[in-house]
Amino acid sequence: MKIRTKSAAFTKARIIKGLSQRELAVRSGLSSSYISLLERSVKSVGPATAKKLSDLLDQPVDALFKIE
């Protein structure tokens, strides 16, 4: 089981919050390259990271992530 981003929703939420990939990376403690991979659904995330990113983007987890 993997948790992957819903690419369009994740990117839209970040842009609406006025954050660059780098700014989101700094706030979340992740690398900007990892954020880029998430936005393209190349990498999966753990539950804690999905929750942290959802909280930073003020979105419910299920709006930004899907379980495969």
PDB file of N, CA and C in Angstrom:
ATOM      1  N   MET A   1       0.846  -1.170   0.000  1.00  0.00           N
ATOM      2  CA  MET A   1       0.000   0.000   0.000  1.00  0.00           C
ATOM      3  C   MET A   1       0.901   1.245   0.000  1.00  0.00           C
ATOM      4  N   LYS A   2       0.604   2.170  -0.919  1.00  0.00           N
ATOM      5  CA  LYS A   2       1.380   3.403  -1.023  1.00  0.00           C
ATOM      6  C   LYS A   2       0.449   4.606  -0.976  1.00  0.00           C
ATOM      7  N   ILE A   3       0.946   5.686  -0.402  1.00  0.00           N
ATOM      8  CA  ILE A   3       0.204   6.945  -0.392  1.00  0.00           C
ATOM      9  C   ILE A   3       0.873   7.854  -1.412  1.00  0.00           C
ATOM     10  N   ARG A   4       0.114   8.255  -2.419  1.00  0.00           N
ATOM     11  CA  ARG A   4       0.639   9.129  -3.469  1.00  0.00           C
ATOM     12  C   ARG A   4      -0.189  10.406  -3.533  1.00  0.00           C
ATOM     13  N   THR A   5       0.435  11.446  -4.065  1.00  0.00           N
ATOM     14  CA  THR A   5      -0.275  12.716  -4.185  1.00  0.00           C
ATOM     15  C   THR A   5      -1.255  12.681  -5.345  1.00  0.00           C
ATOM     16  N   LYS A   6      -2.304  13.443  -5.201  1.00  0.00           N
ATOM     17  CA  LYS A   6      -3.169  13.775  -6.325  1.00  0.00           C
ATOM     18  C   LYS A   6      -2.506  15.017  -6.917  1.00  0.00           C
ATOM     19  N   SER A   7      -1.725  14.814  -7.955  1.00  0.00           N
ATOM     20  CA  SER A   7      -0.801  15.831  -8.462  1.00  0.00           C
ATOM     21  C   SER A   7      -1.433  17.207  -8.651  1.00  0.00           C
ATOM     22  N   ALA A   8      -2.515  17.260  -9.408  1.00  0.00           N
ATOM     23  CA  ALA A   8      -3.131  18.558  -9.713  1.00  0.00           C
ATOM     24  C   ALA A   8      -3.635  19.244  -8.445  1.00  0.00           C
ATOM     25  N   ALA A   9      -4.270  18.492  -7.568  1.00  0.00           N
ATOM     26  CA  ALA A   9      -4.817  19.069  -6.335  1.00  0.00           C
ATOM     27  C   ALA A   9      -3.696  19.552  -5.415  1.00  0.00           C
ATOM     28  N   PHE A  10      -2.621  18.786  -5.330  1.00  0.00           N
ATOM     29  CA  PHE A  10      -1.500  19.152  -4.465  1.00  0.00           C
ATOM     30  C   PHE A  10      -0.846  20.438  -4.957  1.00  0.00           C
ATOM     31  N   THR A  11      -0.565  20.494  -6.256  1.00  0.00           N
ATOM     32  CA  THR A  11       0.072  21.678  -6.837  1.00  0.00           C
ATOM     33  C   THR A  11      -0.834  22.900  -6.710  1.00  0.00           C
ATOM     34  N   LYS A  12      -2.115  22.727  -6.981  1.00  0.00           N
ATOM     35  CA  LYS A  12      -3.080  23.832  -6.876  1.00  0.00           C
ATOM     36  C   LYS A  12      -3.130  24.362  -5.444  1.00  0.00           C
ATOM     37  N   ALA A  13      -3.180  23.464  -4.465  1.00  0.00           N
ATOM     38  CA  ALA A  13      -3.235  23.883  -3.065  1.00  0.00           C
ATOM     39  C   ALA A  13      -1.984  24.672  -2.682  1.00  0.00           C
ATOM     40  N   ARG A  14      -0.834  24.235  -3.164  1.00  0.00           N
ATOM     41  CA  ARG A  14       0.417  24.947  -2.864  1.00  0.00           C
ATOM     42  C   ARG A  14       0.402  26.349  -3.482  1.00  0.00           C
ATOM     43  N   ILE A  15      -0.041  26.441  -4.716  1.00  0.00           N
ATOM     44  CA  ILE A  15      -0.077  27.738  -5.407  1.00  0.00           C
ATOM     45  C   ILE A  15      -1.085  28.679  -4.744  1.00  0.00           C
ATOM     46  N   ILE A  16      -2.239  28.149  -4.384  1.00  0.00           N
ATOM     47  CA  ILE A  16      -3.263  28.968  -3.712  1.00  0.00           C
ATOM     48  C   ILE A  16      -2.733  29.522  -2.392  1.00  0.00           C
ATOM     49  N   LYS A  17      -1.935  28.729  -1.681  1.00  0.00           N
ATOM     50  CA  LYS A  17      -1.322  29.203  -0.427  1.00  0.00           C
ATOM     51  C   LYS A  17      -0.203  30.209  -0.681  1.00  0.00           C
ATOM     52  N   GLY A  18       0.176  30.391  -1.951  1.00  0.00           N
ATOM     53  CA  GLY A  18       1.217  31.349  -2.290  1.00  0.00           C
ATOM     54  C   GLY A  18       2.617  30.848  -1.983  1.00  0.00           C
ATOM     55  N   LEU A  19       2.804  29.536  -1.994  1.00  0.00           N
ATOM     56  CA  LEU A  19       4.097  28.947  -1.661  1.00  0.00           C
ATOM     57  C   LEU A  19       4.789  28.394  -2.894  1.00  0.00           C
ATOM     58  N   SER A  20       6.082  28.590  -2.960  1.00  0.00           N
ATOM     59  CA  SER A  20       6.885  27.908  -3.973  1.00  0.00           C
ATOM     60  C   SER A  20       7.197  26.513  -3.447  1.00  0.00           C
ATOM     61  N   GLN A  21       7.729  25.663  -4.312  1.00  0.00           N
ATOM     62  CA  GLN A  21       8.143  24.344  -3.853  1.00  0.00           C
ATOM     63  C   GLN A  21       9.192  24.475  -2.755  1.00  0.00           C
ATOM     64  N   ARG A  22      10.091  25.413  -2.930  1.00  0.00           N
ATOM     65  CA  ARG A  22      11.155  25.618  -1.948  1.00  0.00           C
ATOM     66  C   ARG A  22      10.592  26.072  -0.605  1.00  0.00           C
ATOM     67  N   GLU A  23       9.625  27.009  -0.627  1.00  0.00           N
ATOM     68  CA  GLU A  23       9.029  27.488   0.625  1.00  0.00           C
ATOM     69  C   GLU A  23       8.281  26.368   1.342  1.00  0.00           C
ATOM     70  N   LEU A  24       7.554  25.552   0.587  1.00  0.00           N
ATOM     71  CA  LEU A  24       6.856  24.421   1.196  1.00  0.00           C
ATOM     72  C   LEU A  24       7.860  23.434   1.779  1.00  0.00           C
ATOM     73  N   ALA A  25       8.949  23.237   1.076  1.00  0.00           N
ATOM     74  CA  ALA A  25       9.997  22.331   1.566  1.00  0.00           C
ATOM     75  C   ALA A  25      10.563  22.824   2.898  1.00  0.00           C
ATOM     76  N   VAL A  26      10.869  24.095   2.977  1.00  0.00           N
ATOM     77  CA  VAL A  26      11.431  24.660   4.210  1.00  0.00           C
ATOM     78  C   VAL A  26      10.433  24.503   5.361  1.00  0.00           C
ATOM     79  N   ARG A  27       9.180  24.840   5.122  1.00  0.00           N
ATOM     80  CA  ARG A  27       8.168  24.754   6.185  1.00  0.00           C
ATOM     81  C   ARG A  27       7.900  23.320   6.631  1.00  0.00           C
ATOM     82  N   SER A  28       8.054  22.373   5.707  1.00  0.00           N
ATOM     83  CA  SER A  28       7.749  20.981   6.040  1.00  0.00           C
ATOM     84  C   SER A  28       8.972  20.192   6.508  1.00  0.00           C
ATOM     85  N   GLY A  29      10.153  20.759   6.317  1.00  0.00           N
ATOM     86  CA  GLY A  29      11.365  20.043   6.684  1.00  0.00           C
ATOM     87  C   GLY A  29      11.788  19.009   5.650  1.00  0.00           C
ATOM     88  N   LEU A  30      11.229  19.113   4.452  1.00  0.00           N
ATOM     89  CA  LEU A  30      11.565  18.199   3.366  1.00  0.00           C
ATOM     90  C   LEU A  30      12.426  18.936   2.346  1.00  0.00           C
ATOM     91  N   SER A  31      13.020  18.212   1.418  1.00  0.00           N
ATOM     92  CA  SER A  31      13.815  18.878   0.382  1.00  0.00           C
ATOM     93  C   SER A  31      12.900  19.348  -0.747  1.00  0.00           C
ATOM     94  N   SER A  32      13.340  20.393  -1.446  1.00  0.00           N
ATOM     95  CA  SER A  32      12.537  20.890  -2.568  1.00  0.00           C
ATOM     96  C   SER A  32      12.475  19.859  -3.692  1.00  0.00           C
ATOM     97  N   SER A  33      13.520  19.063  -3.849  1.00  0.00           N
ATOM     98  CA  SER A  33      13.480  18.022  -4.886  1.00  0.00           C
ATOM     99  C   SER A  33      12.442  16.951  -4.526  1.00  0.00           C
ATOM    100  N   TYR A  34      12.280  16.664  -3.238  1.00  0.00           N
ATOM    101  CA  TYR A  34      11.267  15.699  -2.809  1.00  0.00           C
ATOM    102  C   TYR A  34       9.866  16.252  -3.065  1.00  0.00           C
ATOM    103  N   ILE A  35       9.657  17.531  -2.791  1.00  0.00           N
ATOM    104  CA  ILE A  35       8.360  18.167  -3.070  1.00  0.00           C
ATOM    105  C   ILE A  35       8.052  18.057  -4.565  1.00  0.00           C
ATOM    106  N   SER A  36       9.056  18.302  -5.397  1.00  0.00           N
ATOM    107  CA  SER A  36       8.882  18.191  -6.848  1.00  0.00           C
ATOM    108  C   SER A  36       8.473  16.770  -7.238  1.00  0.00           C
ATOM    109  N   LEU A  37       9.121  15.783  -6.656  1.00  0.00           N
ATOM    110  CA  LEU A  37       8.772  14.386  -6.944  1.00  0.00           C
ATOM    111  C   LEU A  37       7.350  14.065  -6.486  1.00  0.00           C
ATOM    112  N   LEU A  38       6.950  14.612  -5.361  1.00  0.00           N
ATOM    113  CA  LEU A  38       5.585  14.399  -4.875  1.00  0.00           C
ATOM    114  C   LEU A  38       4.568  15.014  -5.828  1.00  0.00           C
ATOM    115  N   GLU A  39       4.861  16.218  -6.303  1.00  0.00           N
ATOM    116  CA  GLU A  39       3.924  16.889  -7.198  1.00  0.00           C
ATOM    117  C   GLU A  39       3.742  16.134  -8.508  1.00  0.00           C
ATOM    118  N   ARG A  40       4.718  15.348  -8.879  1.00  0.00           N
ATOM    119  CA  ARG A  40       4.619  14.537 -10.099  1.00  0.00           C
ATOM    120  C   ARG A  40       4.202  13.103  -9.791  1.00  0.00           C
ATOM    121  N   SER A  41       3.870  12.815  -8.549  1.00  0.00           N
ATOM    122  CA  SER A  41       3.474  11.471  -8.084  1.00  0.00           C
ATOM    123  C   SER A  41       4.527  10.414  -8.392  1.00  0.00           C
ATOM    124  N   VAL A  42       5.789  10.817  -8.360  1.00  0.00           N
ATOM    125  CA  VAL A  42       6.884   9.880  -8.581  1.00  0.00           C
ATOM    126  C   VAL A  42       7.196   9.132  -7.291  1.00  0.00           C
ATOM    127  N   LYS A  43       7.095   9.812  -6.168  1.00  0.00           N
ATOM    128  CA  LYS A  43       7.405   9.234  -4.852  1.00  0.00           C
ATOM    129  C   LYS A  43       6.129   9.095  -4.035  1.00  0.00           C
ATOM    130  N   SER A  44       6.134   8.119  -3.164  1.00  0.00           N
ATOM    131  CA  SER A  44       5.043   7.980  -2.203  1.00  0.00           C
ATOM    132  C   SER A  44       5.469   8.634  -0.888  1.00  0.00           C
ATOM    133  N   VAL A  45       4.505   8.838  -0.007  1.00  0.00           N
ATOM    134  CA  VAL A  45       4.791   9.454   1.292  1.00  0.00           C
ATOM    135  C   VAL A  45       4.250   8.577   2.406  1.00  0.00           C
ATOM    136  N   GLY A  46       4.756   8.798   3.597  1.00  0.00           N
ATOM    137  CA  GLY A  46       4.229   8.123   4.772  1.00  0.00           C
ATOM    138  C   GLY A  46       3.039   8.891   5.323  1.00  0.00           C
ATOM    139  N   PRO A  47       2.268   8.266   6.183  1.00  0.00           N
ATOM    140  CA  PRO A  47       1.087   8.915   6.754  1.00  0.00           C
ATOM    141  C   PRO A  47       1.409  10.218   7.488  1.00  0.00           C
ATOM    142  N   ALA A  48       2.487  10.255   8.250  1.00  0.00           N
ATOM    143  CA  ALA A  48       2.828  11.463   9.012  1.00  0.00           C
ATOM    144  C   ALA A  48       3.188  12.617   8.078  1.00  0.00           C
ATOM    145  N   THR A  49       3.915  12.322   7.012  1.00  0.00           N
ATOM    146  CA  THR A  49       4.294  13.358   6.050  1.00  0.00           C
ATOM    147  C   THR A  49       3.064  13.864   5.306  1.00  0.00           C
ATOM    148  N   ALA A  50       2.171  12.961   4.922  1.00  0.00           N
ATOM    149  CA  ALA A  50       0.932  13.358   4.247  1.00  0.00           C
ATOM    150  C   ALA A  50       0.121  14.289   5.142  1.00  0.00           C
ATOM    151  N   LYS A  51       0.034  13.964   6.418  1.00  0.00           N
ATOM    152  CA  LYS A  51      -0.711  14.801   7.372  1.00  0.00           C
ATOM    153  C   LYS A  51      -0.048  16.163   7.536  1.00  0.00           C
ATOM    154  N   LYS A  52       1.276  16.177   7.670  1.00  0.00           N
ATOM    155  CA  LYS A  52       2.005  17.431   7.840  1.00  0.00           C
ATOM    156  C   LYS A  52       1.796  18.346   6.631  1.00  0.00           C
ATOM    157  N   LEU A  53       1.924  17.795   5.424  1.00  0.00           N
ATOM    158  CA  LEU A  53       1.749  18.600   4.217  1.00  0.00           C
ATOM    159  C   LEU A  53       0.306  19.076   4.079  1.00  0.00           C
ATOM    160  N   SER A  54      -0.649  18.226   4.396  1.00  0.00           N
ATOM    161  CA  SER A  54      -2.061  18.625   4.345  1.00  0.00           C
ATOM    162  C   SER A  54      -2.342  19.770   5.306  1.00  0.00           C
ATOM    163  N   ASP A  55      -1.779  19.684   6.501  1.00  0.00           N
ATOM    164  CA  ASP A  55      -1.969  20.758   7.481  1.00  0.00           C
ATOM    165  C   ASP A  55      -1.351  22.061   6.993  1.00  0.00           C
ATOM    166  N   LEU A  56      -0.148  21.996   6.418  1.00  0.00           N
ATOM    167  CA  LEU A  56       0.510  23.197   5.912  1.00  0.00           C
ATOM    168  C   LEU A  56      -0.269  23.832   4.767  1.00  0.00           C
ATOM    169  N   LEU A  57      -0.945  23.009   3.983  1.00  0.00           N
ATOM    170  CA  LEU A  57      -1.703  23.512   2.834  1.00  0.00           C
ATOM    171  C   LEU A  57      -3.184  23.734   3.157  1.00  0.00           C
ATOM    172  N   ASP A  58      -3.553  23.537   4.423  1.00  0.00           N
ATOM    173  CA  ASP A  58      -4.940  23.731   4.881  1.00  0.00           C
ATOM    174  C   ASP A  58      -5.946  22.940   4.055  1.00  0.00           C
ATOM    175  N   GLN A  59      -5.615  21.682   3.811  1.00  0.00           N
ATOM    176  CA  GLN A  59      -6.493  20.794   3.043  1.00  0.00           C
ATOM    177  C   GLN A  59      -6.628  19.468   3.784  1.00  0.00           C
ATOM    178  N   PRO A  60      -7.773  18.789   3.616  1.00  0.00           N
ATOM    179  CA  PRO A  60      -7.882  17.447   4.208  1.00  0.00           C
ATOM    180  C   PRO A  60      -6.933  16.479   3.483  1.00  0.00           C
ATOM    181  N   VAL A  61      -6.457  15.492   4.197  1.00  0.00           N
ATOM    182  CA  VAL A  61      -5.513  14.524   3.627  1.00  0.00           C
ATOM    183  C   VAL A  61      -6.093  13.884   2.365  1.00  0.00           C
ATOM    184  N   ASP A  62      -7.357  13.490   2.408  1.00  0.00           N
ATOM    185  CA  ASP A  62      -7.935  12.787   1.257  1.00  0.00           C
ATOM    186  C   ASP A  62      -8.145  13.681   0.040  1.00  0.00           C
ATOM    187  N   ALA A  63      -8.042  14.997   0.208  1.00  0.00           N
ATOM    188  CA  ALA A  63      -8.132  15.910  -0.940  1.00  0.00           C
ATOM    189  C   ALA A  63      -6.816  15.966  -1.714  1.00  0.00           C
ATOM    190  N   LEU A  64      -5.709  15.674  -1.031  1.00  0.00           N
ATOM    191  CA  LEU A  64      -4.392  15.798  -1.644  1.00  0.00           C
ATOM    192  C   LEU A  64      -3.693  14.472  -1.920  1.00  0.00           C
ATOM    193  N   PHE A  65      -4.147  13.406  -1.264  1.00  0.00           N
ATOM    194  CA  PHE A  65      -3.445  12.122  -1.358  1.00  0.00           C
ATOM    195  C   PHE A  65      -4.431  10.986  -1.632  1.00  0.00           C
ATOM    196  N   LYS A  66      -3.910   9.942  -2.286  1.00  0.00           N
ATOM    197  CA  LYS A  66      -4.698   8.733  -2.540  1.00  0.00           C
ATOM    198  C   LYS A  66      -3.889   7.524  -2.109  1.00  0.00           C
ATOM    199  N   ILE A  67      -4.588   6.486  -1.695  1.00  0.00           N
ATOM    200  CA  ILE A  67      -3.945   5.245  -1.284  1.00  0.00           C
ATOM    201  C   ILE A  67      -4.036   4.264  -2.451  1.00  0.00           C
ATOM    202  N   GLU A  68      -2.897   3.731  -2.826  1.00  0.00           N
ATOM    203  CA  GLU A  68      -2.867   2.760  -3.934  1.00  0.00           C
ATOM    204  C   GLU A  68      -2.514   1.388  -3.414  1.00  0.00           C
TER     205      GLU A  68
END
